[in-house]
Amino acid sequence: RNNAERAWLTADTIRFEVGDAREIQAPADHGWIVTNPPYGERMATE
C-alpha cells in the first residue's frame, strides 16, 4: 500500500488485502493471475 501511494495510485486503483491464496475468490469470471510465490529459501521444503 505504501509503494502504491508513492506511485500516485489511489486505494481504489489496486485492492491490497491480507488473505490466504488457498481461500480466495475470483473477482470476475475471467482474467489473469500473474504471481511470484515463495520458493527456494523463502519456504520450508516440508
PDB file of all heavy atoms in Angstrom:
ATOM      1  N   ARG A   1       0.833  -1.213   0.000  1.00  0.00           N
ATOM      2  CA  ARG A   1       0.000   0.000   0.000  1.00  0.00           C
ATOM      3  C   ARG A   1       0.866   1.260   0.000  1.00  0.00           C
ATOM      4  O   ARG A   1       0.549   2.236  -0.684  1.00  0.00           O
ATOM      5  CB  ARG A   1      -0.924  -0.018   1.210  1.00  0.00           C
ATOM      6  CG  ARG A   1      -2.034  -1.073   1.121  1.00  0.00           C
ATOM      7  CD  ARG A   1      -2.794  -1.201   2.424  1.00  0.00           C
ATOM      8  NE  ARG A   1      -3.891  -2.165   2.308  1.00  0.00           N
ATOM      9  CZ  ARG A   1      -4.524  -2.703   3.349  1.00  0.00           C
ATOM     10  NH1 ARG A   1      -4.161  -2.367   4.590  1.00  0.00           N
ATOM     11  NH2 ARG A   1      -5.500  -3.564   3.164  1.00  0.00           N
ATOM     12  N   ASN A   2       1.963   1.225   0.769  1.00  0.00           N
ATOM     13  CA  ASN A   2       2.862   2.388   0.794  1.00  0.00           C
ATOM     14  C   ASN A   2       3.502   2.615  -0.572  1.00  0.00           C
ATOM     15  O   ASN A   2       3.615   3.758  -1.043  1.00  0.00           O
ATOM     16  CB  ASN A   2       3.954   2.178   1.843  1.00  0.00           C
ATOM     17  CG  ASN A   2       3.417   2.200   3.260  1.00  0.00           C
ATOM     18  OD1 ASN A   2       2.322   2.702   3.515  1.00  0.00           O
ATOM     19  ND2 ASN A   2       4.180   1.641   4.193  1.00  0.00           N
ATOM     20  N   ASN A   3       3.934   1.535  -1.210  1.00  0.00           N
ATOM     21  CA  ASN A   3       4.545   1.668  -2.533  1.00  0.00           C
ATOM     22  C   ASN A   3       3.546   2.194  -3.548  1.00  0.00           C
ATOM     23  O   ASN A   3       3.873   3.041  -4.390  1.00  0.00           O
ATOM     24  CB  ASN A   3       5.096   0.314  -2.990  1.00  0.00           C
ATOM     25  CG  ASN A   3       6.360  -0.080  -2.251  1.00  0.00           C
ATOM     26  OD1 ASN A   3       7.115   0.769  -1.784  1.00  0.00           O
ATOM     27  ND2 ASN A   3       6.604  -1.373  -2.137  1.00  0.00           N
ATOM     28  N   ALA A   4       2.309   1.705  -3.489  1.00  0.00           N
ATOM     29  CA  ALA A   4       1.277   2.173  -4.417  1.00  0.00           C
ATOM     30  C   ALA A   4       1.000   3.660  -4.230  1.00  0.00           C
ATOM     31  O   ALA A   4       0.807   4.408  -5.197  1.00  0.00           O
ATOM     32  CB  ALA A   4      -0.004   1.361  -4.230  1.00  0.00           C
ATOM     33  N   GLU A   5       0.996   4.104  -2.985  1.00  0.00           N
ATOM     34  CA  GLU A   5       0.761   5.529  -2.716  1.00  0.00           C
ATOM     35  C   GLU A   5       1.888   6.373  -3.292  1.00  0.00           C
ATOM     36  O   GLU A   5       1.644   7.436  -3.871  1.00  0.00           O
ATOM     37  CB  GLU A   5       0.639   5.752  -1.207  1.00  0.00           C
ATOM     38  CG  GLU A   5       0.315   7.188  -0.835  1.00  0.00           C
ATOM     39  CD  GLU A   5       0.131   7.375   0.663  1.00  0.00           C
ATOM     40  OE1 GLU A   5       0.122   6.361   1.394  1.00  0.00           O
ATOM     41  OE2 GLU A   5       0.021   8.543   1.101  1.00  0.00           O
ATOM     42  N   ARG A   6       3.140   5.900  -3.174  1.00  0.00           N
ATOM     43  CA  ARG A   6       4.261   6.640  -3.754  1.00  0.00           C
ATOM     44  C   ARG A   6       4.218   6.638  -5.275  1.00  0.00           C
ATOM     45  O   ARG A   6       4.790   7.508  -5.914  1.00  0.00           O
ATOM     46  CB  ARG A   6       5.589   6.059  -3.252  1.00  0.00           C
ATOM     47  CG  ARG A   6       6.018   6.588  -1.897  1.00  0.00           C
ATOM     48  CD  ARG A   6       7.416   6.113  -1.551  1.00  0.00           C
ATOM     49  NE  ARG A   6       7.433   4.689  -1.289  1.00  0.00           N
ATOM     50  CZ  ARG A   6       7.279   4.147  -0.085  1.00  0.00           C
ATOM     51  NH1 ARG A   6       7.078   4.923   0.962  1.00  0.00           N
ATOM     52  NH2 ARG A   6       7.316   2.839   0.078  1.00  0.00           N
ATOM     53  N   ALA A   7       3.535   5.634  -5.842  1.00  0.00           N
ATOM     54  CA  ALA A   7       3.365   5.579  -7.295  1.00  0.00           C
ATOM     55  C   ALA A   7       2.124   6.348  -7.741  1.00  0.00           C
ATOM     56  O   ALA A   7       1.678   6.189  -8.885  1.00  0.00           O
ATOM     57  CB  ALA A   7       3.279   4.121  -7.758  1.00  0.00           C
ATOM     58  N   TRP A   8       1.561   7.175  -6.848  1.00  0.00           N
ATOM     59  CA  TRP A   8       0.385   8.010  -7.133  1.00  0.00           C
ATOM     60  C   TRP A   8      -0.841   7.187  -7.501  1.00  0.00           C
ATOM     61  O   TRP A   8      -1.681   7.623  -8.302  1.00  0.00           O
ATOM     62  CB  TRP A   8       0.684   9.022  -8.253  1.00  0.00           C
ATOM     63  CG  TRP A   8       1.852   9.893  -7.988  1.00  0.00           C
ATOM     64  CD1 TRP A   8       2.054  10.680  -6.888  1.00  0.00           C
ATOM     65  CD2 TRP A   8       2.989  10.075  -8.812  1.00  0.00           C
ATOM     66  NE1 TRP A   8       3.246  11.327  -6.983  1.00  0.00           N
ATOM     67  CE2 TRP A   8       3.857  10.985  -8.153  1.00  0.00           C
ATOM     68  CE3 TRP A   8       3.372   9.567 -10.040  1.00  0.00           C
ATOM     69  CZ2 TRP A   8       5.062  11.391  -8.685  1.00  0.00           C
ATOM     70  CZ3 TRP A   8       4.589   9.969 -10.573  1.00  0.00           C
ATOM     71  CH2 TRP A   8       5.408  10.870  -9.912  1.00  0.00           C
ATOM     72  N   LEU A   9      -0.953   6.013  -6.904  1.00  0.00           N
ATOM     73  CA  LEU A   9      -2.110   5.161  -7.145  1.00  0.00           C
ATOM     74  C   LEU A   9      -3.006   5.191  -5.913  1.00  0.00           C
ATOM     75  O   LEU A   9      -2.542   5.001  -4.794  1.00  0.00           O
ATOM     76  CB  LEU A   9      -1.674   3.722  -7.445  1.00  0.00           C
ATOM     77  CG  LEU A   9      -0.782   3.555  -8.670  1.00  0.00           C
ATOM     78  CD1 LEU A   9      -0.262   2.127  -8.767  1.00  0.00           C
ATOM     79  CD2 LEU A   9      -1.535   3.925  -9.953  1.00  0.00           C
ATOM     80  N   THR A  10      -4.283   5.428  -6.127  1.00  0.00           N
ATOM     81  CA  THR A  10      -5.219   5.501  -5.009  1.00  0.00           C
ATOM     82  C   THR A  10      -5.642   4.107  -4.567  1.00  0.00           C
ATOM     83  O   THR A  10      -5.415   3.116  -5.273  1.00  0.00           O
ATOM     84  CB  THR A  10      -6.462   6.306  -5.416  1.00  0.00           C
ATOM     85  OG1 THR A  10      -7.088   5.668  -6.544  1.00  0.00           O
ATOM     86  CG2 THR A  10      -6.085   7.738  -5.805  1.00  0.00           C
ATOM     87  N   ALA A  11      -6.273   4.033  -3.401  1.00  0.00           N
ATOM     88  CA  ALA A  11      -6.677   2.743  -2.837  1.00  0.00           C
ATOM     89  C   ALA A  11      -7.693   2.029  -3.714  1.00  0.00           C
ATOM     90  O   ALA A  11      -7.790   0.793  -3.675  1.00  0.00           O
ATOM     91  CB  ALA A  11      -7.240   2.945  -1.436  1.00  0.00           C
ATOM     92  N   ASP A  12      -8.448   2.773  -4.518  1.00  0.00           N
ATOM     93  CA  ASP A  12      -9.434   2.108  -5.378  1.00  0.00           C
ATOM     94  C   ASP A  12      -8.827   1.666  -6.716  1.00  0.00           C
ATOM     95  O   ASP A  12      -9.504   1.031  -7.525  1.00  0.00           O
ATOM     96  CB  ASP A  12     -10.642   3.013  -5.634  1.00  0.00           C
ATOM     97  CG  ASP A  12     -10.255   4.349  -6.257  1.00  0.00           C
ATOM     98  OD1 ASP A  12      -9.048   4.625  -6.366  1.00  0.00           O
ATOM     99  OD2 ASP A  12     -11.171   5.112  -6.630  1.00  0.00           O
ATOM    100  N   THR A  13      -7.550   1.982  -6.950  1.00  0.00           N
ATOM    101  CA  THR A  13      -6.892   1.508  -8.172  1.00  0.00           C
ATOM    102  C   THR A  13      -6.434   0.066  -8.009  1.00  0.00           C
ATOM    103  O   THR A  13      -6.647  -0.773  -8.886  1.00  0.00           O
ATOM    104  CB  THR A  13      -5.677   2.396  -8.506  1.00  0.00           C
ATOM    105  OG1 THR A  13      -6.102   3.748  -8.621  1.00  0.00           O
ATOM    106  CG2 THR A  13      -5.036   1.959  -9.821  1.00  0.00           C
ATOM    107  N   ILE A  14      -5.786  -0.232  -6.872  1.00  0.00           N
ATOM    108  CA  ILE A  14      -5.369  -1.597  -6.552  1.00  0.00           C
ATOM    109  C   ILE A  14      -5.906  -1.927  -5.162  1.00  0.00           C
ATOM    110  O   ILE A  14      -5.742  -1.139  -4.226  1.00  0.00           O
ATOM    111  CB  ILE A  14      -3.842  -1.762  -6.541  1.00  0.00           C
ATOM    112  CG1 ILE A  14      -3.218  -1.265  -7.845  1.00  0.00           C
ATOM    113  CG2 ILE A  14      -3.462  -3.226  -6.311  1.00  0.00           C
ATOM    114  CD1 ILE A  14      -1.691  -1.312  -7.844  1.00  0.00           C
ATOM    115  N   ARG A  15      -6.518  -3.090  -5.028  1.00  0.00           N
ATOM    116  CA  ARG A  15      -7.016  -3.531  -3.721  1.00  0.00           C
ATOM    117  C   ARG A  15      -6.030  -4.528  -3.117  1.00  0.00           C
ATOM    118  O   ARG A  15      -5.901  -5.654  -3.607  1.00  0.00           O
ATOM    119  CB  ARG A  15      -8.401  -4.174  -3.858  1.00  0.00           C
ATOM    120  CG  ARG A  15      -9.092  -4.376  -2.519  1.00  0.00           C
ATOM    121  CD  ARG A  15     -10.522  -4.836  -2.686  1.00  0.00           C
ATOM    122  NE  ARG A  15     -10.620  -6.283  -2.830  1.00  0.00           N
ATOM    123  CZ  ARG A  15     -11.151  -6.904  -3.862  1.00  0.00           C
ATOM    124  NH1 ARG A  15     -11.605  -6.198  -4.890  1.00  0.00           N
ATOM    125  NH2 ARG A  15     -11.216  -8.223  -3.896  1.00  0.00           N
ATOM    126  N   PHE A  16      -5.301  -4.096  -2.109  1.00  0.00           N
ATOM    127  CA  PHE A  16      -4.376  -4.974  -1.394  1.00  0.00           C
ATOM    128  C   PHE A  16      -5.041  -5.422  -0.094  1.00  0.00           C
ATOM    129  O   PHE A  16      -5.487  -4.580   0.696  1.00  0.00           O
ATOM    130  CB  PHE A  16      -3.061  -4.256  -1.073  1.00  0.00           C
ATOM    131  CG  PHE A  16      -2.181  -4.009  -2.265  1.00  0.00           C
ATOM    132  CD1 PHE A  16      -1.915  -2.721  -2.700  1.00  0.00           C
ATOM    133  CD2 PHE A  16      -1.597  -5.069  -2.950  1.00  0.00           C
ATOM    134  CE1 PHE A  16      -1.089  -2.489  -3.787  1.00  0.00           C
ATOM    135  CE2 PHE A  16      -0.763  -4.846  -4.046  1.00  0.00           C
ATOM    136  CZ  PHE A  16      -0.519  -3.558  -4.457  1.00  0.00           C
ATOM    137  N   GLU A  17      -5.050  -6.737   0.139  1.00  0.00           N
ATOM    138  CA  GLU A  17      -5.689  -7.267   1.342  1.00  0.00           C
ATOM    139  C   GLU A  17      -4.860  -8.407   1.913  1.00  0.00           C
ATOM    140  O   GLU A  17      -4.156  -9.109   1.184  1.00  0.00           O
ATOM    141  CB  GLU A  17      -7.097  -7.779   1.033  1.00  0.00           C
ATOM    142  CG  GLU A  17      -8.075  -6.712   0.567  1.00  0.00           C
ATOM    143  CD  GLU A  17      -9.469  -7.274   0.345  1.00  0.00           C
ATOM    144  OE1 GLU A  17      -9.680  -8.466   0.668  1.00  0.00           O
ATOM    145  OE2 GLU A  17     -10.325  -6.530  -0.152  1.00  0.00           O
ATOM    146  N   VAL A  18      -4.972  -8.573   3.237  1.00  0.00           N
ATOM    147  CA  VAL A  18      -4.397  -9.754   3.875  1.00  0.00           C
ATOM    148  C   VAL A  18      -5.296 -10.932   3.546  1.00  0.00           C
ATOM    149  O   VAL A  18      -6.517 -10.885   3.763  1.00  0.00           O
ATOM    150  CB  VAL A  18      -4.289  -9.553   5.397  1.00  0.00           C
ATOM    151  CG1 VAL A  18      -3.760 -10.839   6.064  1.00  0.00           C
ATOM    152  CG2 VAL A  18      -3.401  -8.372   5.731  1.00  0.00           C
ATOM    153  N   GLY A  19      -4.732 -11.975   2.977  1.00  0.00           N
ATOM    154  CA  GLY A  19      -5.545 -13.130   2.583  1.00  0.00           C
ATOM    155  C   GLY A  19      -4.692 -14.326   2.239  1.00  0.00           C
ATOM    156  O   GLY A  19      -3.503 -14.191   1.913  1.00  0.00           O
ATOM    157  N   ASP A  20      -5.300 -15.498   2.294  1.00  0.00           N
ATOM    158  CA  ASP A  20      -4.641 -16.769   2.021  1.00  0.00           C
ATOM    159  C   ASP A  20      -4.951 -17.191   0.591  1.00  0.00           C
ATOM    160  O   ASP A  20      -6.125 -17.293   0.209  1.00  0.00           O
ATOM    161  CB  ASP A  20      -5.131 -17.824   3.011  1.00  0.00           C
ATOM    162  CG  ASP A  20      -4.295 -19.094   2.987  1.00  0.00           C
ATOM    163  OD1 ASP A  20      -3.783 -19.451   1.900  1.00  0.00           O
ATOM    164  OD2 ASP A  20      -4.165 -19.735   4.044  1.00  0.00           O
ATOM    165  N   ALA A  21      -3.904 -17.433  -0.201  1.00  0.00           N
ATOM    166  CA  ALA A  21      -4.097 -17.819  -1.603  1.00  0.00           C
ATOM    167  C   ALA A  21      -4.952 -19.070  -1.745  1.00  0.00           C
ATOM    168  O   ALA A  21      -5.580 -19.289  -2.787  1.00  0.00           O
ATOM    169  CB  ALA A  21      -2.744 -18.041  -2.274  1.00  0.00           C
ATOM    170  N   ARG A  22      -5.019 -19.892  -0.705  1.00  0.00           N
ATOM    171  CA  ARG A  22      -5.771 -21.147  -0.780  1.00  0.00           C
ATOM    172  C   ARG A  22      -7.254 -20.967  -0.521  1.00  0.00           C
ATOM    173  O   ARG A  22      -8.027 -21.924  -0.623  1.00  0.00           O
ATOM    174  CB  ARG A  22      -5.192 -22.143   0.232  1.00  0.00           C
ATOM    175  CG  ARG A  22      -3.759 -22.550  -0.069  1.00  0.00           C
ATOM    176  CD  ARG A  22      -3.092 -23.229   1.096  1.00  0.00           C
ATOM    177  NE  ARG A  22      -2.804 -22.293   2.185  1.00  0.00           N
ATOM    178  CZ  ARG A  22      -2.044 -22.578   3.240  1.00  0.00           C
ATOM    179  NH1 ARG A  22      -1.489 -23.783   3.338  1.00  0.00           N
ATOM    180  NH2 ARG A  22      -1.834 -21.678   4.178  1.00  0.00           N
ATOM    181  N   GLU A  23      -7.670 -19.725  -0.197  1.00  0.00           N
ATOM    182  CA  GLU A  23      -9.067 -19.499   0.180  1.00  0.00           C
ATOM    183  C   GLU A  23      -9.712 -18.341  -0.567  1.00  0.00           C
ATOM    184  O   GLU A  23     -10.855 -17.990  -0.282  1.00  0.00           O
ATOM    185  CB  GLU A  23      -9.149 -19.236   1.696  1.00  0.00           C
ATOM    186  CG  GLU A  23      -8.628 -20.381   2.538  1.00  0.00           C
ATOM    187  CD  GLU A  23      -8.557 -20.019   4.024  1.00  0.00           C
ATOM    188  OE1 GLU A  23      -8.882 -18.850   4.350  1.00  0.00           O
ATOM    189  OE2 GLU A  23      -8.189 -20.887   4.830  1.00  0.00           O
ATOM    190  N   ILE A  24      -9.030 -17.715  -1.509  1.00  0.00           N
ATOM    191  CA  ILE A  24      -9.545 -16.506  -2.145  1.00  0.00           C
ATOM    192  C   ILE A  24     -10.602 -16.833  -3.198  1.00  0.00           C
ATOM    193  O   ILE A  24     -10.668 -17.945  -3.715  1.00  0.00           O
ATOM    194  CB  ILE A  24      -8.410 -15.689  -2.775  1.00  0.00           C
ATOM    195  CG1 ILE A  24      -7.662 -16.508  -3.829  1.00  0.00           C
ATOM    196  CG2 ILE A  24      -7.457 -15.189  -1.705  1.00  0.00           C
ATOM    197  CD1 ILE A  24      -6.554 -15.766  -4.525  1.00  0.00           C
ATOM    198  N   GLN A  25     -11.425 -15.822  -3.508  1.00  0.00           N
ATOM    199  CA  GLN A  25     -12.458 -15.934  -4.528  1.00  0.00           C
ATOM    200  C   GLN A  25     -12.069 -15.092  -5.743  1.00  0.00           C
ATOM    201  O   GLN A  25     -11.365 -14.089  -5.617  1.00  0.00           O
ATOM    202  CB  GLN A  25     -13.808 -15.446  -3.986  1.00  0.00           C
ATOM    203  CG  GLN A  25     -14.329 -16.245  -2.798  1.00  0.00           C
ATOM    204  CD  GLN A  25     -14.711 -17.658  -3.179  1.00  0.00           C
ATOM    205  OE1 GLN A  25     -15.306 -17.884  -4.248  1.00  0.00           O
ATOM    206  NE2 GLN A  25     -14.374 -18.627  -2.330  1.00  0.00           N
ATOM    207  N   ALA A  26     -12.553 -15.491  -6.893  1.00  0.00           N
ATOM    208  CA  ALA A  26     -12.265 -14.741  -8.123  1.00  0.00           C
ATOM    209  C   ALA A  26     -13.054 -13.438  -8.133  1.00  0.00           C
ATOM    210  O   ALA A  26     -14.263 -13.441  -7.866  1.00  0.00           O
ATOM    211  CB  ALA A  26     -12.622 -15.580  -9.337  1.00  0.00           C
ATOM    212  N   PRO A  27     -12.422 -12.300  -8.442  1.00  0.00           N
ATOM    213  CA  PRO A  27     -13.127 -11.024  -8.503  1.00  0.00           C
ATOM    214  C   PRO A  27     -13.920 -10.829  -9.798  1.00  0.00           C
ATOM    215  O   PRO A  27     -14.647  -9.847  -9.931  1.00  0.00           O
ATOM    216  CB  PRO A  27     -11.992  -9.999  -8.407  1.00  0.00           C
ATOM    217  CG  PRO A  27     -10.809 -10.689  -9.005  1.00  0.00           C
ATOM    218  CD  PRO A  27     -10.964 -12.135  -8.652  1.00  0.00           C
ATOM    219  N   ALA A  28     -13.775 -11.752 -10.753  1.00  0.00           N
ATOM    220  CA  ALA A  28     -14.500 -11.676 -12.030  1.00  0.00           C
ATOM    221  C   ALA A  28     -14.553 -13.083 -12.615  1.00  0.00           C
ATOM    222  O   ALA A  28     -13.906 -14.005 -12.115  1.00  0.00           O
ATOM    223  CB  ALA A  28     -13.806 -10.711 -12.988  1.00  0.00           C
ATOM    224  N   ASP A  29     -15.330 -13.238 -13.692  1.00  0.00           N
ATOM    225  CA  ASP A  29     -15.487 -14.581 -14.257  1.00  0.00           C
ATOM    226  C   ASP A  29     -14.332 -14.973 -15.174  1.00  0.00           C
ATOM    227  O   ASP A  29     -14.235 -16.128 -15.596  1.00  0.00           O
ATOM    228  CB  ASP A  29     -16.815 -14.703 -15.000  1.00  0.00           C
ATOM    229  CG  ASP A  29     -16.946 -13.696 -16.137  1.00  0.00           C
ATOM    230  OD1 ASP A  29     -15.989 -12.923 -16.371  1.00  0.00           O
ATOM    231  OD2 ASP A  29     -18.012 -13.682 -16.789  1.00  0.00           O
ATOM    232  N   HIS A  30     -13.446 -14.027 -15.478  1.00  0.00           N
ATOM    233  CA  HIS A  30     -12.248 -14.341 -16.259  1.00  0.00           C
ATOM    234  C   HIS A  30     -11.187 -13.301 -15.947  1.00  0.00           C
ATOM    235  O   HIS A  30     -11.491 -12.213 -15.430  1.00  0.00           O
ATOM    236  CB  HIS A  30     -12.557 -14.348 -17.764  1.00  0.00           C
ATOM    237  CG  HIS A  30     -12.811 -12.987 -18.315  1.00  0.00           C
ATOM    238  ND1 HIS A  30     -14.006 -12.322 -18.139  1.00  0.00           N
ATOM    239  CD2 HIS A  30     -12.003 -12.127 -19.007  1.00  0.00           C
ATOM    240  CE1 HIS A  30     -13.945 -11.134 -18.710  1.00  0.00           C
ATOM    241  NE2 HIS A  30     -12.743 -10.981 -19.246  1.00  0.00           N
ATOM    242  N   GLY A  31      -9.949 -13.616 -16.259  1.00  0.00           N
ATOM    243  CA  GLY A  31      -8.868 -12.683 -16.013  1.00  0.00           C
ATOM    244  C   GLY A  31      -7.537 -13.409 -15.980  1.00  0.00           C
ATOM    245  O   GLY A  31      -7.409 -14.550 -16.446  1.00  0.00           O
ATOM    246  N   TRP A  32      -6.533 -12.736 -15.423  1.00  0.00           N
ATOM    247  CA  TRP A  32      -5.173 -13.271 -15.349  1.00  0.00           C
ATOM    248  C   TRP A  32      -4.723 -13.344 -13.892  1.00  0.00           C
ATOM    249  O   TRP A  32      -5.004 -12.432 -13.103  1.00  0.00           O
ATOM    250  CB  TRP A  32      -4.198 -12.374 -16.109  1.00  0.00           C
ATOM    251  CG  TRP A  32      -3.981 -12.690 -17.545  1.00  0.00           C
ATOM    252  CD1 TRP A  32      -2.927 -13.361 -18.093  1.00  0.00           C
ATOM    253  CD2 TRP A  32      -4.815 -12.321 -18.652  1.00  0.00           C
ATOM    254  NE1 TRP A  32      -3.061 -13.433 -19.466  1.00  0.00           N
ATOM    255  CE2 TRP A  32      -4.215 -12.805 -19.833  1.00  0.00           C
ATOM    256  CE3 TRP A  32      -6.034 -11.634 -18.747  1.00  0.00           C
ATOM    257  CZ2 TRP A  32      -4.777 -12.619 -21.093  1.00  0.00           C
ATOM    258  CZ3 TRP A  32      -6.597 -11.451 -19.979  1.00  0.00           C
ATOM    259  CH2 TRP A  32      -5.971 -11.939 -21.145  1.00  0.00           C
ATOM    260  N   ILE A  33      -4.027 -14.406 -13.561  1.00  0.00           N
ATOM    261  CA  ILE A  33      -3.264 -14.490 -12.320  1.00  0.00           C
ATOM    262  C   ILE A  33      -1.797 -14.503 -12.712  1.00  0.00           C
ATOM    263  O   ILE A  33      -1.354 -15.391 -13.443  1.00  0.00           O
ATOM    264  CB  ILE A  33      -3.602 -15.763 -11.522  1.00  0.00           C
ATOM    265  CG1 ILE A  33      -5.082 -15.789 -11.132  1.00  0.00           C
ATOM    266  CG2 ILE A  33      -2.723 -15.860 -10.267  1.00  0.00           C
ATOM    267  CD1 ILE A  33      -5.517 -17.105 -10.516  1.00  0.00           C
ATOM    268  N   VAL A  34      -1.041 -13.502 -12.271  1.00  0.00           N
ATOM    269  CA  VAL A  34       0.398 -13.440 -12.523  1.00  0.00           C
ATOM    270  C   VAL A  34       1.047 -13.255 -11.157  1.00  0.00           C
ATOM    271  O   VAL A  34       0.741 -12.279 -10.448  1.00  0.00           O
ATOM    272  CB  VAL A  34       0.774 -12.282 -13.469  1.00  0.00           C
ATOM    273  CG1 VAL A  34       2.279 -12.244 -13.702  1.00  0.00           C
ATOM    274  CG2 VAL A  34       0.036 -12.422 -14.800  1.00  0.00           C
ATOM    275  N   THR A  35       1.946 -14.166 -10.782  1.00  0.00           N
ATOM    276  CA  THR A  35       2.424 -14.147  -9.403  1.00  0.00           C
ATOM    277  C   THR A  35       3.838 -14.692  -9.253  1.00  0.00           C
ATOM    278  O   THR A  35       4.329 -15.435 -10.107  1.00  0.00           O
ATOM    279  CB  THR A  35       1.442 -14.939  -8.507  1.00  0.00           C
ATOM    280  OG1 THR A  35       1.751 -14.717  -7.134  1.00  0.00           O
ATOM    281  CG2 THR A  35       1.476 -16.434  -8.828  1.00  0.00           C
ATOM    282  N   ASN A  36       4.450 -14.302  -8.148  1.00  0.00           N
ATOM    283  CA  ASN A  36       5.789 -14.730  -7.762  1.00  0.00           C
ATOM    284  C   ASN A  36       5.677 -15.375  -6.379  1.00  0.00           C
ATOM    285  O   ASN A  36       5.948 -14.744  -5.358  1.00  0.00           O
ATOM    286  CB  ASN A  36       6.721 -13.513  -7.727  1.00  0.00           C
ATOM    287  CG  ASN A  36       8.104 -13.834  -7.192  1.00  0.00           C
ATOM    288  OD1 ASN A  36       8.622 -14.922  -7.401  1.00  0.00           O
ATOM    289  ND2 ASN A  36       8.701 -12.883  -6.476  1.00  0.00           N
ATOM    290  N   PRO A  37       5.246 -16.642  -6.303  1.00  0.00           N
ATOM    291  CA  PRO A  37       5.019 -17.276  -4.998  1.00  0.00           C
ATOM    292  C   PRO A  37       6.327 -17.583  -4.294  1.00  0.00           C
ATOM    293  O   PRO A  37       7.396 -17.545  -4.910  1.00  0.00           O
ATOM    294  CB  PRO A  37       4.275 -18.560  -5.373  1.00  0.00           C
ATOM    295  CG  PRO A  37       4.780 -18.891  -6.726  1.00  0.00           C
ATOM    296  CD  PRO A  37       4.992 -17.564  -7.409  1.00  0.00           C
ATOM    297  N   PRO A  38       6.266 -17.897  -3.013  1.00  0.00           N
ATOM    298  CA  PRO A  38       7.506 -18.232  -2.294  1.00  0.00           C
ATOM    299  C   PRO A  38       8.118 -19.517  -2.827  1.00  0.00           C
ATOM    300  O   PRO A  38       7.417 -20.478  -3.138  1.00  0.00           O
ATOM    301  CB  PRO A  38       7.038 -18.396  -0.839  1.00  0.00           C
ATOM    302  CG  PRO A  38       5.581 -18.677  -0.931  1.00  0.00           C
ATOM    303  CD  PRO A  38       5.090 -17.943  -2.146  1.00  0.00           C
ATOM    304  N   TYR A  39       9.431 -19.515  -2.957  1.00  0.00           N
ATOM    305  CA  TYR A  39      10.155 -20.709  -3.369  1.00  0.00           C
ATOM    306  C   TYR A  39      11.591 -20.590  -2.907  1.00  0.00           C
ATOM    307  O   TYR A  39      12.034 -19.518  -2.479  1.00  0.00           O
ATOM    308  CB  TYR A  39      10.089 -20.931  -4.885  1.00  0.00           C
ATOM    309  CG  TYR A  39      10.438 -19.738  -5.743  1.00  0.00           C
ATOM    310  CD1 TYR A  39      11.748 -19.415  -6.060  1.00  0.00           C
ATOM    311  CD2 TYR A  39       9.424 -18.916  -6.238  1.00  0.00           C
ATOM    312  CE1 TYR A  39      12.049 -18.327  -6.853  1.00  0.00           C
ATOM    313  CE2 TYR A  39       9.725 -17.812  -7.040  1.00  0.00           C
ATOM    314  CZ  TYR A  39      11.037 -17.523  -7.337  1.00  0.00           C
ATOM    315  OH  TYR A  39      11.339 -16.438  -8.116  1.00  0.00           O
ATOM    316  N   GLY A  40      12.324 -21.675  -2.992  1.00  0.00           N
ATOM    317  CA  GLY A  40      13.722 -21.661  -2.572  1.00  0.00           C
ATOM    318  C   GLY A  40      13.848 -21.395  -1.088  1.00  0.00           C
ATOM    319  O   GLY A  40      13.154 -21.997  -0.266  1.00  0.00           O
ATOM    320  N   GLU A  41      14.723 -20.448  -0.721  1.00  0.00           N
ATOM    321  CA  GLU A  41      14.992 -20.164   0.683  1.00  0.00           C
ATOM    322  C   GLU A  41      13.818 -19.503   1.386  1.00  0.00           C
ATOM    323  O   GLU A  41      13.781 -19.442   2.613  1.00  0.00           O
ATOM    324  CB  GLU A  41      16.233 -19.281   0.810  1.00  0.00           C
ATOM    325  CG  GLU A  41      17.515 -19.952   0.325  1.00  0.00           C
ATOM    326  CD  GLU A  41      18.705 -19.037   0.472  1.00  0.00           C
ATOM    327  OE1 GLU A  41      18.518 -17.881   0.923  1.00  0.00           O
ATOM    328  OE2 GLU A  41      19.821 -19.470   0.141  1.00  0.00           O
ATOM    329  N   ARG A  42      12.853 -18.971   0.632  1.00  0.00           N
ATOM    330  CA  ARG A  42      11.718 -18.292   1.249  1.00  0.00           C
ATOM    331  C   ARG A  42      10.747 -19.258   1.893  1.00  0.00           C
ATOM    332  O   ARG A  42       9.813 -18.848   2.555  1.00  0.00           O
ATOM    333  CB  ARG A  42      10.975 -17.466   0.192  1.00  0.00           C
ATOM    334  CG  ARG A  42      11.784 -16.349  -0.403  1.00  0.00           C
ATOM    335  CD  ARG A  42      11.115 -15.818  -1.663  1.00  0.00           C
ATOM    336  NE  ARG A  42       9.800 -15.274  -1.417  1.00  0.00           N
ATOM    337  CZ  ARG A  42       8.901 -15.069  -2.367  1.00  0.00           C
ATOM    338  NH1 ARG A  42       9.171 -15.403  -3.612  1.00  0.00           N
ATOM    339  NH2 ARG A  42       7.725 -14.558  -2.084  1.00  0.00           N
ATOM    340  N   MET A  43      10.931 -20.559   1.692  1.00  0.00           N
ATOM    341  CA  MET A  43       9.906 -21.501   2.101  1.00  0.00           C
ATOM    342  C   MET A  43      10.523 -22.793   2.597  1.00  0.00           C
ATOM    343  O   MET A  43      11.460 -23.310   1.992  1.00  0.00           O
ATOM    344  CB  MET A  43       9.000 -21.787   0.902  1.00  0.00           C
ATOM    345  CG  MET A  43       7.719 -22.480   1.248  1.00  0.00           C
ATOM    346  SD  MET A  43       6.683 -22.459  -0.204  1.00  0.00           S
ATOM    347  CE  MET A  43       5.244 -23.233   0.486  1.00  0.00           C
ATOM    348  N   ALA A  44       9.999 -23.330   3.686  1.00  0.00           N
ATOM    349  CA  ALA A  44      10.476 -24.621   4.182  1.00  0.00           C
ATOM    350  C   ALA A  44       9.996 -25.727   3.260  1.00  0.00           C
ATOM    351  O   ALA A  44       8.840 -25.748   2.829  1.00  0.00           O
ATOM    352  CB  ALA A  44       9.957 -24.854   5.599  1.00  0.00           C
ATOM    353  N   THR A  45      10.878 -26.659   2.939  1.00  0.00           N
ATOM    354  CA  THR A  45      10.575 -27.684   1.944  1.00  0.00           C
ATOM    355  C   THR A  45       9.352 -28.514   2.323  1.00  0.00           C
ATOM    356  O   THR A  45       8.521 -28.836   1.472  1.00  0.00           O
ATOM    357  CB  THR A  45      11.787 -28.606   1.762  1.00  0.00           C
ATOM    358  OG1 THR A  45      12.911 -27.818   1.420  1.00  0.00           O
ATOM    359  CG2 THR A  45      11.532 -29.626   0.657  1.00  0.00           C
ATOM    360  N   GLU A  46       9.207 -28.819   3.609  1.00  0.00           N
ATOM    361  CA  GLU A  46       8.098 -29.685   4.002  1.00  0.00           C
ATOM    362  C   GLU A  46       6.736 -29.021   3.829  1.00  0.00           C
ATOM    363  O   GLU A  46       5.704 -29.685   3.813  1.00  0.00           O
ATOM    364  CB  GLU A  46       8.263 -30.126   5.464  1.00  0.00           C
ATOM    365  CG  GLU A  46       8.337 -29.003   6.477  1.00  0.00           C
ATOM    366  CD  GLU A  46       9.772 -28.543   6.704  1.00  0.00           C
ATOM    367  OE1 GLU A  46      10.649 -28.861   5.870  1.00  0.00           O
ATOM    368  OE2 GLU A  46      10.015 -27.869   7.720  1.00  0.00           O
TER     369      GLU A  46
END
